[in-house]
Amino acid sequence: MWINRDVDLPQALVAAQREGRLVIFAGAGVSMGAPANLPSFEQLADQIAGGVLARRPTEPLDAYLGRVEQHGINVQARARQFIDVETSAPRPLHHALIRLFRDESAVRVVRNSTKLDRLAEEKTCAFGGQGLSRSAPTRGGLRRERPRSGW
């Protein structure tokens, strides 16, 4: 389905949206720039490390944060410190992502705790949607936490 002269959406994506099966994986870039002004994942990792360790040249960020945690830094607490900023506000992109869903009350936000983006969850909950927190990635995968709201 062509939505303009440059973008052709796969039919499976269009069908998923129409049938309420749409899943969007949005990264840190959604909350970069005004008025959210949150850091990129790479910037956040460096802030969390606080100069304690240097990242190896080709090291994945989750492995880097795993090493930082092994040095006694509470990665999740430090992440919250840097991104749970009261002056941040949702960007137009936050609003646009929510509008992709036909029924905004069905929207679910799955957050990675190293990038606890309360802006996305606040926008979702404002429309009656729900959020689910997940803990930080580790070499062994994600450690799950309890849902933050009813599902």
N, C-alpha and C. Protein backbone atom coordinates (compact mmCIF):
# COMPACT_ATOMS: atom_id res chain seq x y z
N MET A 1 0.86 -1.18 0.00
CA MET A 1 0.00 0.00 0.00
C MET A 1 0.90 1.23 0.00
N TRP A 2 0.83 1.97 -1.07
CA TRP A 2 1.62 3.20 -1.18
C TRP A 2 0.93 4.31 -0.39
N ILE A 3 1.67 4.93 0.55
CA ILE A 3 1.08 6.03 1.32
C ILE A 3 1.55 7.38 0.80
N ASN A 4 2.62 7.38 0.02
CA ASN A 4 3.07 8.55 -0.73
C ASN A 4 3.99 8.03 -1.84
N ARG A 5 4.61 8.89 -2.60
CA ARG A 5 5.39 8.40 -3.74
C ARG A 5 6.66 7.67 -3.34
N ASP A 6 7.06 7.77 -2.06
CA ASP A 6 8.31 7.16 -1.61
C ASP A 6 8.12 5.96 -0.68
N VAL A 7 6.95 5.83 -0.08
CA VAL A 7 6.75 4.80 0.95
C VAL A 7 5.66 3.82 0.54
N ASP A 8 6.06 2.54 0.46
CA ASP A 8 5.13 1.45 0.16
C ASP A 8 5.09 0.54 1.39
N LEU A 9 3.99 0.56 2.12
CA LEU A 9 3.86 -0.27 3.31
C LEU A 9 3.51 -1.71 2.91
N PRO A 10 4.20 -2.69 3.50
CA PRO A 10 3.85 -4.09 3.20
C PRO A 10 2.40 -4.37 3.60
N GLN A 11 1.72 -5.17 2.80
CA GLN A 11 0.32 -5.50 3.07
C GLN A 11 0.15 -6.14 4.44
N ALA A 12 1.12 -6.98 4.86
CA ALA A 12 1.04 -7.63 6.17
C ALA A 12 1.03 -6.60 7.30
N LEU A 13 1.77 -5.51 7.14
CA LEU A 13 1.79 -4.45 8.15
C LEU A 13 0.44 -3.73 8.20
N VAL A 14 -0.09 -3.43 7.05
CA VAL A 14 -1.40 -2.77 6.98
C VAL A 14 -2.47 -3.66 7.60
N ALA A 15 -2.44 -4.96 7.28
CA ALA A 15 -3.42 -5.90 7.84
C ALA A 15 -3.28 -5.99 9.35
N ALA A 16 -2.05 -6.03 9.86
CA ALA A 16 -1.84 -6.09 11.32
C ALA A 16 -2.44 -4.87 12.00
N GLN A 17 -2.28 -3.71 11.40
CA GLN A 17 -2.84 -2.49 11.98
C GLN A 17 -4.37 -2.56 11.98
N ARG A 18 -4.94 -2.98 10.89
CA ARG A 18 -6.40 -3.05 10.77
C ARG A 18 -7.01 -4.08 11.72
N GLU A 19 -6.28 -5.17 11.96
CA GLU A 19 -6.78 -6.27 12.80
C GLU A 19 -6.38 -6.15 14.27
N GLY A 20 -5.74 -5.05 14.64
CA GLY A 20 -5.37 -4.85 16.04
C GLY A 20 -4.20 -5.71 16.49
N ARG A 21 -3.36 -6.14 15.57
CA ARG A 21 -2.20 -6.96 15.91
C ARG A 21 -0.89 -6.21 15.73
N LEU A 22 -0.95 -4.93 15.54
CA LEU A 22 0.24 -4.12 15.27
C LEU A 22 1.15 -4.08 16.49
N VAL A 23 2.43 -4.27 16.25
CA VAL A 23 3.45 -4.15 17.29
C VAL A 23 4.52 -3.21 16.76
N ILE A 24 4.87 -2.23 17.56
CA ILE A 24 5.90 -1.26 17.17
C ILE A 24 7.04 -1.38 18.17
N PHE A 25 8.24 -1.53 17.66
CA PHE A 25 9.44 -1.53 18.49
C PHE A 25 10.11 -0.18 18.27
N ALA A 26 10.04 0.67 19.27
CA ALA A 26 10.60 2.01 19.15
C ALA A 26 11.77 2.15 20.11
N GLY A 27 12.85 2.69 19.64
CA GLY A 27 14.05 2.82 20.45
C GLY A 27 14.19 4.20 21.06
N ALA A 28 15.39 4.44 21.57
CA ALA A 28 15.69 5.68 22.28
C ALA A 28 15.50 6.91 21.42
N GLY A 29 15.66 6.77 20.12
CA GLY A 29 15.54 7.93 19.24
C GLY A 29 14.19 8.61 19.28
N VAL A 30 13.17 7.89 19.67
CA VAL A 30 11.83 8.47 19.76
C VAL A 30 11.81 9.64 20.74
N SER A 31 12.61 9.56 21.77
CA SER A 31 12.59 10.58 22.83
C SER A 31 13.77 11.53 22.77
N MET A 32 14.51 11.50 21.68
CA MET A 32 15.60 12.47 21.52
C MET A 32 15.03 13.73 20.88
N GLY A 33 15.59 14.85 21.20
CA GLY A 33 15.12 16.12 20.66
C GLY A 33 14.04 16.73 21.53
N ALA A 34 13.81 18.02 21.27
CA ALA A 34 12.83 18.77 22.07
C ALA A 34 11.42 18.27 21.76
N PRO A 35 10.52 18.31 22.72
CA PRO A 35 10.69 18.76 24.10
C PRO A 35 11.09 17.65 25.08
N ALA A 36 11.33 16.44 24.59
CA ALA A 36 11.71 15.35 25.48
C ALA A 36 13.16 15.50 25.95
N ASN A 37 14.04 15.74 24.99
CA ASN A 37 15.46 16.00 25.29
C ASN A 37 16.14 14.89 26.08
N LEU A 38 15.81 13.64 25.77
CA LEU A 38 16.47 12.52 26.44
C LEU A 38 17.66 12.06 25.59
N PRO A 39 18.64 11.42 26.22
CA PRO A 39 19.85 11.01 25.49
C PRO A 39 19.60 9.80 24.59
N SER A 40 20.50 9.62 23.63
CA SER A 40 20.50 8.40 22.84
C SER A 40 20.92 7.27 23.77
N PHE A 41 20.73 6.03 23.33
CA PHE A 41 21.11 4.90 24.16
C PHE A 41 22.62 4.91 24.41
N GLU A 42 23.40 5.28 23.40
CA GLU A 42 24.86 5.35 23.58
C GLU A 42 25.24 6.44 24.58
N GLN A 43 24.61 7.60 24.47
CA GLN A 43 24.88 8.68 25.43
C GLN A 43 24.47 8.26 26.84
N LEU A 44 23.33 7.60 26.95
CA LEU A 44 22.85 7.14 28.24
C LEU A 44 23.83 6.14 28.86
N ALA A 45 24.31 5.20 28.06
CA ALA A 45 25.27 4.22 28.56
C ALA A 45 26.52 4.90 29.11
N ASP A 46 27.01 5.91 28.38
CA ASP A 46 28.18 6.65 28.86
C ASP A 46 27.88 7.40 30.15
N GLN A 47 26.70 7.99 30.25
CA GLN A 47 26.32 8.69 31.48
C GLN A 47 26.21 7.72 32.65
N ILE A 48 25.63 6.56 32.41
CA ILE A 48 25.50 5.55 33.46
C ILE A 48 26.88 5.12 33.95
N ALA A 49 27.80 4.88 33.02
CA ALA A 49 29.15 4.43 33.38
C ALA A 49 29.90 5.51 34.15
N GLY A 50 29.61 6.75 33.86
CA GLY A 50 30.23 7.85 34.59
C GLY A 50 31.75 7.85 34.58
N GLY A 51 32.36 7.34 33.52
CA GLY A 51 33.81 7.33 33.41
C GLY A 51 34.49 6.20 34.15
N VAL A 52 33.72 5.34 34.81
CA VAL A 52 34.30 4.21 35.55
C VAL A 52 34.96 3.23 34.59
N LEU A 53 34.33 2.98 33.46
CA LEU A 53 34.86 2.07 32.44
C LEU A 53 34.73 2.73 31.07
N ALA A 54 35.66 2.39 30.20
CA ALA A 54 35.55 2.83 28.81
C ALA A 54 34.93 1.69 28.00
N ARG A 55 34.15 2.08 27.04
CA ARG A 55 33.54 1.09 26.16
C ARG A 55 34.58 0.60 25.15
N ARG A 56 34.62 -0.70 24.94
CA ARG A 56 35.52 -1.28 23.95
C ARG A 56 35.03 -0.90 22.55
N PRO A 57 35.93 -0.79 21.58
CA PRO A 57 35.57 -0.26 20.25
C PRO A 57 34.34 -0.89 19.59
N THR A 58 34.18 -2.19 19.62
CA THR A 58 33.03 -2.81 18.94
C THR A 58 32.06 -3.44 19.93
N GLU A 59 32.15 -3.07 21.19
CA GLU A 59 31.34 -3.69 22.24
C GLU A 59 29.89 -3.25 22.16
N PRO A 60 28.95 -4.19 22.13
CA PRO A 60 27.53 -3.81 22.17
C PRO A 60 27.21 -3.08 23.48
N LEU A 61 26.27 -2.17 23.41
CA LEU A 61 25.94 -1.36 24.59
C LEU A 61 25.44 -2.19 25.75
N ASP A 62 24.65 -3.25 25.49
CA ASP A 62 24.16 -4.05 26.61
C ASP A 62 25.30 -4.80 27.29
N ALA A 63 26.28 -5.24 26.53
CA ALA A 63 27.45 -5.90 27.14
C ALA A 63 28.26 -4.90 27.96
N TYR A 64 28.40 -3.70 27.44
CA TYR A 64 29.10 -2.62 28.15
C TYR A 64 28.41 -2.33 29.48
N LEU A 65 27.08 -2.20 29.44
CA LEU A 65 26.35 -1.94 30.68
C LEU A 65 26.45 -3.12 31.64
N GLY A 66 26.54 -4.33 31.12
CA GLY A 66 26.76 -5.50 31.96
C GLY A 66 28.08 -5.40 32.70
N ARG A 67 29.13 -4.96 32.00
CA ARG A 67 30.43 -4.79 32.66
C ARG A 67 30.37 -3.66 33.69
N VAL A 68 29.66 -2.60 33.35
CA VAL A 68 29.50 -1.48 34.30
C VAL A 68 28.83 -1.98 35.57
N GLU A 69 27.78 -2.78 35.42
CA GLU A 69 27.06 -3.33 36.57
C GLU A 69 27.98 -4.22 37.41
N GLN A 70 28.84 -4.98 36.77
CA GLN A 70 29.78 -5.84 37.48
C GLN A 70 30.77 -5.04 38.32
N HIS A 71 30.94 -3.77 37.99
CA HIS A 71 31.80 -2.88 38.77
C HIS A 71 31.04 -2.17 39.90
N GLY A 72 29.85 -2.66 40.19
CA GLY A 72 29.10 -2.15 41.35
C GLY A 72 28.20 -0.98 41.09
N ILE A 73 28.01 -0.61 39.84
CA ILE A 73 27.11 0.50 39.52
C ILE A 73 25.71 -0.06 39.29
N ASN A 74 24.72 0.52 39.97
CA ASN A 74 23.34 0.11 39.79
C ASN A 74 22.83 0.74 38.49
N VAL A 75 22.91 -0.03 37.42
CA VAL A 75 22.61 0.48 36.08
C VAL A 75 21.18 1.00 35.99
N GLN A 76 20.23 0.27 36.53
CA GLN A 76 18.83 0.70 36.43
C GLN A 76 18.58 1.99 37.20
N ALA A 77 19.13 2.10 38.39
CA ALA A 77 18.94 3.33 39.19
C ALA A 77 19.58 4.52 38.49
N ARG A 78 20.76 4.32 37.94
CA ARG A 78 21.43 5.42 37.24
C ARG A 78 20.67 5.80 35.97
N ALA A 79 20.13 4.81 35.26
CA ALA A 79 19.34 5.11 34.06
C ALA A 79 18.14 5.98 34.42
N ARG A 80 17.45 5.59 35.48
CA ARG A 80 16.29 6.39 35.92
C ARG A 80 16.70 7.81 36.25
N GLN A 81 17.84 7.96 36.89
CA GLN A 81 18.34 9.28 37.26
C GLN A 81 18.50 10.18 36.04
N PHE A 82 18.94 9.61 34.92
CA PHE A 82 19.22 10.41 33.74
C PHE A 82 18.04 10.58 32.80
N ILE A 83 17.05 9.72 32.89
CA ILE A 83 15.95 9.85 31.92
C ILE A 83 14.59 10.10 32.53
N ASP A 84 14.44 9.96 33.81
CA ASP A 84 13.16 10.29 34.43
C ASP A 84 13.20 11.76 34.82
N VAL A 85 13.17 12.59 33.81
CA VAL A 85 13.35 14.03 33.95
C VAL A 85 11.98 14.71 33.90
N GLU A 86 11.65 15.40 34.96
CA GLU A 86 10.32 16.04 35.05
C GLU A 86 10.08 17.07 33.96
N THR A 87 11.12 17.69 33.44
CA THR A 87 10.93 18.72 32.42
C THR A 87 10.75 18.15 31.02
N SER A 88 10.93 16.84 30.86
CA SER A 88 10.72 16.22 29.55
C SER A 88 9.23 16.14 29.25
N ALA A 89 8.91 16.31 28.00
CA ALA A 89 7.52 16.23 27.55
C ALA A 89 7.47 15.40 26.28
N PRO A 90 6.33 14.76 26.01
CA PRO A 90 6.22 13.95 24.79
C PRO A 90 6.46 14.76 23.53
N ARG A 91 7.12 14.14 22.59
CA ARG A 91 7.37 14.74 21.28
C ARG A 91 6.19 14.42 20.36
N PRO A 92 6.07 15.13 19.26
CA PRO A 92 5.02 14.79 18.30
C PRO A 92 5.10 13.33 17.85
N LEU A 93 6.30 12.76 17.80
CA LEU A 93 6.45 11.37 17.41
C LEU A 93 5.78 10.42 18.40
N HIS A 94 5.83 10.73 19.70
CA HIS A 94 5.11 9.91 20.69
C HIS A 94 3.62 9.86 20.35
N HIS A 95 3.06 11.03 20.06
CA HIS A 95 1.64 11.12 19.73
C HIS A 95 1.33 10.37 18.43
N ALA A 96 2.21 10.52 17.43
CA ALA A 96 1.99 9.87 16.14
C ALA A 96 2.03 8.36 16.27
N LEU A 97 2.93 7.84 17.07
CA LEU A 97 3.00 6.39 17.25
C LEU A 97 1.72 5.84 17.86
N ILE A 98 1.18 6.54 18.83
CA ILE A 98 -0.06 6.08 19.46
C ILE A 98 -1.21 6.12 18.46
N ARG A 99 -1.22 7.13 17.59
CA ARG A 99 -2.31 7.25 16.61
C ARG A 99 -2.28 6.14 15.56
N LEU A 100 -1.18 5.39 15.47
CA LEU A 100 -1.12 4.27 14.52
C LEU A 100 -2.08 3.15 14.89
N PHE A 101 -2.48 3.12 16.15
CA PHE A 101 -3.37 2.05 16.61
C PHE A 101 -4.81 2.48 16.44
N ARG A 102 -5.62 1.58 15.96
CA ARG A 102 -7.05 1.89 15.74
C ARG A 102 -7.75 2.14 17.06
N ASP A 103 -7.43 1.36 18.07
CA ASP A 103 -8.06 1.48 19.38
C ASP A 103 -6.96 1.82 20.38
N GLU A 104 -6.86 3.08 20.74
CA GLU A 104 -5.77 3.52 21.61
C GLU A 104 -5.80 2.86 22.98
N SER A 105 -6.95 2.35 23.40
CA SER A 105 -6.99 1.68 24.70
C SER A 105 -6.30 0.32 24.65
N ALA A 106 -6.03 -0.18 23.46
CA ALA A 106 -5.36 -1.48 23.31
C ALA A 106 -3.85 -1.35 23.23
N VAL A 107 -3.34 -0.13 23.23
CA VAL A 107 -1.90 0.08 23.12
C VAL A 107 -1.21 -0.43 24.37
N ARG A 108 -0.12 -1.14 24.19
CA ARG A 108 0.71 -1.61 25.31
C ARG A 108 2.12 -1.08 25.09
N VAL A 109 2.73 -0.57 26.12
CA VAL A 109 4.11 -0.10 26.05
C VAL A 109 4.97 -1.08 26.80
N VAL A 110 5.98 -1.60 26.14
CA VAL A 110 6.96 -2.46 26.79
C VAL A 110 8.24 -1.65 26.82
N ARG A 111 8.69 -1.39 28.03
CA ARG A 111 9.86 -0.55 28.18
C ARG A 111 11.04 -1.39 28.62
N ASN A 112 12.19 -1.01 28.17
CA ASN A 112 13.43 -1.62 28.63
C ASN A 112 13.94 -0.70 29.74
N SER A 113 14.20 -1.23 30.90
CA SER A 113 14.52 -0.41 32.05
C SER A 113 15.80 0.39 31.89
N THR A 114 16.69 0.00 30.98
CA THR A 114 17.84 0.86 30.76
C THR A 114 17.44 2.11 30.02
N LYS A 115 16.27 2.11 29.45
CA LYS A 115 15.74 3.29 28.77
C LYS A 115 14.30 3.49 29.23
N LEU A 116 14.13 3.67 30.52
CA LEU A 116 12.79 3.82 31.10
C LEU A 116 12.18 5.13 30.62
N ASP A 117 11.50 5.07 29.55
CA ASP A 117 10.95 6.26 28.94
C ASP A 117 9.52 6.47 29.42
N ARG A 118 9.38 7.25 30.47
CA ARG A 118 8.06 7.47 31.02
C ARG A 118 7.18 8.27 30.08
N LEU A 119 7.77 8.99 29.13
CA LEU A 119 6.96 9.78 28.20
C LEU A 119 6.08 8.90 27.35
N ALA A 120 6.63 7.82 26.84
CA ALA A 120 5.83 6.90 26.01
C ALA A 120 4.74 6.27 26.85
N GLU A 121 5.06 5.87 28.07
CA GLU A 121 4.06 5.23 28.90
C GLU A 121 2.99 6.22 29.34
N GLU A 122 3.39 7.45 29.68
CA GLU A 122 2.40 8.45 30.07
C GLU A 122 1.44 8.74 28.93
N LYS A 123 1.96 8.86 27.73
CA LYS A 123 1.10 9.13 26.57
C LYS A 123 0.14 7.96 26.37
N THR A 124 0.64 6.74 26.48
CA THR A 124 -0.20 5.56 26.31
C THR A 124 -1.27 5.50 27.39
N CYS A 125 -0.89 5.67 28.65
CA CYS A 125 -1.84 5.58 29.75
C CYS A 125 -2.88 6.69 29.69
N ALA A 126 -2.52 7.83 29.12
CA ALA A 126 -3.48 8.91 28.97
C ALA A 126 -4.63 8.50 28.06
N PHE A 127 -4.39 7.55 27.17
CA PHE A 127 -5.43 7.05 26.27
C PHE A 127 -6.05 5.76 26.77
N GLY A 128 -5.72 5.36 28.00
CA GLY A 128 -6.31 4.15 28.55
C GLY A 128 -5.51 2.90 28.27
N GLY A 129 -4.35 3.03 27.63
CA GLY A 129 -3.50 1.88 27.37
C GLY A 129 -2.76 1.47 28.64
N GLN A 130 -1.91 0.47 28.52
CA GLN A 130 -1.20 -0.06 29.67
C GLN A 130 0.28 -0.15 29.36
N GLY A 131 1.09 -0.26 30.42
CA GLY A 131 2.53 -0.38 30.25
C GLY A 131 3.05 -1.60 30.97
N LEU A 132 4.17 -2.06 30.51
CA LEU A 132 4.84 -3.19 31.13
C LEU A 132 6.31 -2.86 31.22
N SER A 133 6.88 -2.92 32.41
CA SER A 133 8.31 -2.69 32.55
C SER A 133 9.05 -4.00 32.41
N ARG A 134 10.21 -3.92 31.81
CA ARG A 134 11.09 -5.07 31.75
C ARG A 134 12.45 -4.60 32.24
N SER A 135 13.19 -5.51 32.85
CA SER A 135 14.48 -5.09 33.37
C SER A 135 15.53 -5.05 32.28
N ALA A 136 16.69 -4.57 32.64
CA ALA A 136 17.76 -4.29 31.70
C ALA A 136 18.26 -5.55 31.01
N PRO A 137 18.73 -5.37 29.76
CA PRO A 137 19.29 -6.51 29.06
C PRO A 137 20.58 -6.97 29.73
N THR A 138 20.79 -8.24 29.75
CA THR A 138 22.03 -8.80 30.27
C THR A 138 22.51 -9.82 29.27
N ARG A 139 23.68 -10.33 29.47
CA ARG A 139 24.20 -11.32 28.53
C ARG A 139 23.27 -12.52 28.45
N GLY A 140 22.56 -12.83 29.52
CA GLY A 140 21.67 -13.98 29.53
C GLY A 140 20.27 -13.67 29.04
N GLY A 141 20.01 -12.45 28.60
CA GLY A 141 18.67 -12.09 28.13
C GLY A 141 18.01 -11.12 29.09
N LEU A 142 16.72 -10.95 28.95
CA LEU A 142 15.98 -10.01 29.78
C LEU A 142 15.42 -10.70 31.01
N ARG A 143 15.55 -10.05 32.15
CA ARG A 143 14.90 -10.52 33.37
C ARG A 143 13.56 -9.81 33.44
N ARG A 144 12.49 -10.55 33.52
CA ARG A 144 11.15 -9.95 33.52
C ARG A 144 10.74 -9.50 34.91
N GLU A 145 9.97 -8.45 34.93
CA GLU A 145 9.37 -7.94 36.15
C GLU A 145 7.86 -8.05 36.01
N ARG A 146 7.14 -7.78 37.07
CA ARG A 146 5.67 -7.83 37.04
C ARG A 146 5.12 -6.69 36.20
N PRO A 147 3.99 -6.91 35.55
CA PRO A 147 3.35 -5.83 34.81
C PRO A 147 3.03 -4.66 35.75
N ARG A 148 3.16 -3.44 35.22
CA ARG A 148 2.85 -2.25 36.01
C ARG A 148 1.37 -2.02 36.12
N SER A 149 0.60 -2.51 35.17
CA SER A 149 -0.84 -2.37 35.25
C SER A 149 -1.49 -3.61 34.68
N GLY A 150 -2.74 -3.80 34.94
CA GLY A 150 -3.54 -4.96 34.85
C GLY A 150 -3.43 -6.05 33.82
N TRP A 151 -2.43 -6.23 33.05
CA TRP A 151 -2.48 -7.34 32.09
C TRP A 151 -1.36 -8.26 32.22
